[in-house]
């Protein structure tokens, strides 16, 4: 099968829409990147890894304090902190539709 190529000229409104879309995509890309002298990173990725790192440090601190403290009154505070962090990380349960 051979395909016939037809050169249909694009209408001016279609060309304008394509250019607007291209400019919008470039603007979105620039808004989501942080540029430095020697580094270009995705803003969302940096925020994600910083949040995960902070939660990990808080969880490690809570576990350490649970292990080292003997007092039950103090342990409830750190247990609450630990379960809060786990609740932030764990996804909410949902029903899956078949």
C-alpha atoms as a PDB file:
ATOM      1  CA  UNK A   1       0.000   0.000   0.000  1.00  0.00           C
ATOM      2  CA  UNK A   2       1.297   3.353  -0.896  1.00  0.00           C
ATOM      3  CA  UNK A   3       0.207   6.446   0.895  1.00  0.00           C
ATOM      4  CA  UNK A   4      -0.497   9.540  -1.038  1.00  0.00           C
ATOM      5  CA  UNK A   5       0.900  12.654   0.468  1.00  0.00           C
ATOM      6  CA  UNK A   6      -1.288  15.645   0.101  1.00  0.00           C
ATOM      7  CA  UNK A   7       0.027  19.048   0.925  1.00  0.00           C
ATOM      8  CA  UNK A   8      -2.910  20.779   2.483  1.00  0.00           C
ATOM      9  CA  UNK A   9      -1.969  24.256   3.607  1.00  0.00           C
ATOM     10  CA  UNK A  10      -2.722  24.955   7.246  1.00  0.00           C
ATOM     11  CA  UNK A  11      -5.208  27.674   7.958  1.00  0.00           C
ATOM     12  CA  UNK A  12      -3.875  30.775   9.715  1.00  0.00           C
ATOM     13  CA  UNK A  13      -5.981  30.049  12.800  1.00  0.00           C
ATOM     14  CA  UNK A  14      -4.544  26.521  13.041  1.00  0.00           C
ATOM     15  CA  UNK A  15      -0.996  27.841  12.732  1.00  0.00           C
ATOM     16  CA  UNK A  16      -1.754  30.402  15.448  1.00  0.00           C
ATOM     17  CA  UNK A  17      -3.147  27.697  17.767  1.00  0.00           C
ATOM     18  CA  UNK A  18      -0.085  25.510  17.210  1.00  0.00           C
ATOM     19  CA  UNK A  19       2.249  28.397  18.015  1.00  0.00           C
ATOM     20  CA  UNK A  20       0.255  29.311  21.149  1.00  0.00           C
ATOM     21  CA  UNK A  21       0.390  25.694  22.302  1.00  0.00           C
ATOM     22  CA  UNK A  22       4.127  25.515  21.712  1.00  0.00           C
ATOM     23  CA  UNK A  23       4.688  28.750  23.671  1.00  0.00           C
ATOM     24  CA  UNK A  24       2.459  27.515  26.503  1.00  0.00           C
ATOM     25  CA  UNK A  25       4.381  24.231  26.728  1.00  0.00           C
ATOM     26  CA  UNK A  26       7.704  26.099  26.851  1.00  0.00           C
ATOM     27  CA  UNK A  27       6.368  28.379  29.603  1.00  0.00           C
ATOM     28  CA  UNK A  28       5.202  25.369  31.634  1.00  0.00           C
ATOM     29  CA  UNK A  29       8.612  23.758  31.255  1.00  0.00           C
ATOM     30  CA  UNK A  30      10.363  26.935  32.409  1.00  0.00           C
ATOM     31  CA  UNK A  31       8.036  27.259  35.427  1.00  0.00           C
ATOM     32  CA  UNK A  32       8.803  23.678  36.540  1.00  0.00           C
ATOM     33  CA  UNK A  33      12.597  23.919  36.315  1.00  0.00           C
ATOM     34  CA  UNK A  34      15.127  25.625  38.534  1.00  0.00           C
ATOM     35  CA  UNK A  35      18.246  26.820  36.767  1.00  0.00           C
ATOM     36  CA  UNK A  36      21.553  27.530  38.411  1.00  0.00           C
ATOM     37  CA  UNK A  37      25.006  28.243  37.037  1.00  0.00           C
ATOM     38  CA  UNK A  38      25.842  24.573  36.609  1.00  0.00           C
ATOM     39  CA  UNK A  39      22.578  22.807  37.347  1.00  0.00           C
ATOM     40  CA  UNK A  40      19.088  22.432  35.876  1.00  0.00           C
ATOM     41  CA  UNK A  41      16.647  20.467  38.054  1.00  0.00           C
ATOM     42  CA  UNK A  42      12.958  19.732  38.108  1.00  0.00           C
ATOM     43  CA  UNK A  43      11.250  21.794  40.806  1.00  0.00           C
ATOM     44  CA  UNK A  44       8.714  19.076  41.646  1.00  0.00           C
ATOM     45  CA  UNK A  45      11.392  16.399  42.036  1.00  0.00           C
ATOM     46  CA  UNK A  46      13.430  18.552  44.425  1.00  0.00           C
ATOM     47  CA  UNK A  47      10.376  19.298  46.555  1.00  0.00           C
ATOM     48  CA  UNK A  48       9.412  15.610  46.642  1.00  0.00           C
ATOM     49  CA  UNK A  49      12.843  14.401  47.747  1.00  0.00           C
ATOM     50  CA  UNK A  50      13.168  17.129  50.382  1.00  0.00           C
ATOM     51  CA  UNK A  51       9.777  16.161  51.835  1.00  0.00           C
ATOM     52  CA  UNK A  52      10.679  12.464  51.871  1.00  0.00           C
ATOM     53  CA  UNK A  53      14.037  13.244  53.501  1.00  0.00           C
ATOM     54  CA  UNK A  54      12.476  15.325  56.261  1.00  0.00           C
ATOM     55  CA  UNK A  55       9.826  12.684  56.975  1.00  0.00           C
ATOM     56  CA  UNK A  56      12.537  10.013  57.077  1.00  0.00           C
ATOM     57  CA  UNK A  57      14.594  12.029  59.568  1.00  0.00           C
ATOM     58  CA  UNK A  58      11.559  12.632  61.791  1.00  0.00           C
ATOM     59  CA  UNK A  59      10.716   8.919  61.710  1.00  0.00           C
ATOM     60  CA  UNK A  60      14.282   7.953  62.620  1.00  0.00           C
ATOM     61  CA  UNK A  61      14.250  10.442  65.492  1.00  0.00           C
ATOM     62  CA  UNK A  62      10.912   9.084  66.785  1.00  0.00           C
ATOM     63  CA  UNK A  63      12.111   5.469  66.604  1.00  0.00           C
ATOM     64  CA  UNK A  64      15.356   6.364  68.380  1.00  0.00           C
ATOM     65  CA  UNK A  65      13.470   8.123  71.172  1.00  0.00           C
ATOM     66  CA  UNK A  66      11.044   5.171  71.489  1.00  0.00           C
ATOM     67  CA  UNK A  67      13.968   2.801  71.935  1.00  0.00           C
ATOM     68  CA  UNK A  68      15.932   4.940  74.402  1.00  0.00           C
ATOM     69  CA  UNK A  69      13.122   6.296  76.636  1.00  0.00           C
ATOM     70  CA  UNK A  70      11.691   4.165  79.432  1.00  0.00           C
ATOM     71  CA  UNK A  71       8.803   6.460  80.383  1.00  0.00           C
ATOM     72  CA  UNK A  72       5.406   5.556  78.900  1.00  0.00           C
ATOM     73  CA  UNK A  73       4.247   9.189  78.995  1.00  0.00           C
ATOM     74  CA  UNK A  74       7.107  10.274  76.766  1.00  0.00           C
ATOM     75  CA  UNK A  75       6.780   7.240  74.472  1.00  0.00           C
ATOM     76  CA  UNK A  76       3.182   8.118  73.573  1.00  0.00           C
ATOM     77  CA  UNK A  77       4.351  11.425  72.108  1.00  0.00           C
ATOM     78  CA  UNK A  78       6.938   9.768  69.878  1.00  0.00           C
ATOM     79  CA  UNK A  79       4.565   6.969  68.918  1.00  0.00           C
ATOM     80  CA  UNK A  80       2.029   9.593  67.831  1.00  0.00           C
ATOM     81  CA  UNK A  81       4.714  11.342  65.786  1.00  0.00           C
ATOM     82  CA  UNK A  82       5.723   8.074  64.154  1.00  0.00           C
ATOM     83  CA  UNK A  83       2.150   7.114  63.238  1.00  0.00           C
ATOM     84  CA  UNK A  84       1.548  10.618  61.853  1.00  0.00           C
ATOM     85  CA  UNK A  85       4.524  10.229  59.493  1.00  0.00           C
ATOM     86  CA  UNK A  86       3.370   6.773  58.422  1.00  0.00           C
ATOM     87  CA  UNK A  87      -0.106   8.177  57.787  1.00  0.00           C
ATOM     88  CA  UNK A  88       1.340  10.902  55.583  1.00  0.00           C
ATOM     89  CA  UNK A  89       3.347   8.421  53.526  1.00  0.00           C
ATOM     90  CA  UNK A  90       0.779   5.610  53.224  1.00  0.00           C
ATOM     91  CA  UNK A  91      -1.783   6.011  50.443  1.00  0.00           C
ATOM     92  CA  UNK A  92      -5.452   6.220  51.308  1.00  0.00           C
ATOM     93  CA  UNK A  93      -7.358   2.978  50.777  1.00  0.00           C
ATOM     94  CA  UNK A  94      -9.736   3.033  47.806  1.00  0.00           C
ATOM     95  CA  UNK A  95     -12.032   0.579  46.077  1.00  0.00           C
ATOM     96  CA  UNK A  96     -10.883  -0.464  42.632  1.00  0.00           C
ATOM     97  CA  UNK A  97     -13.528  -0.665  39.921  1.00  0.00           C
ATOM     98  CA  UNK A  98     -13.354  -3.618  37.599  1.00  0.00           C
END
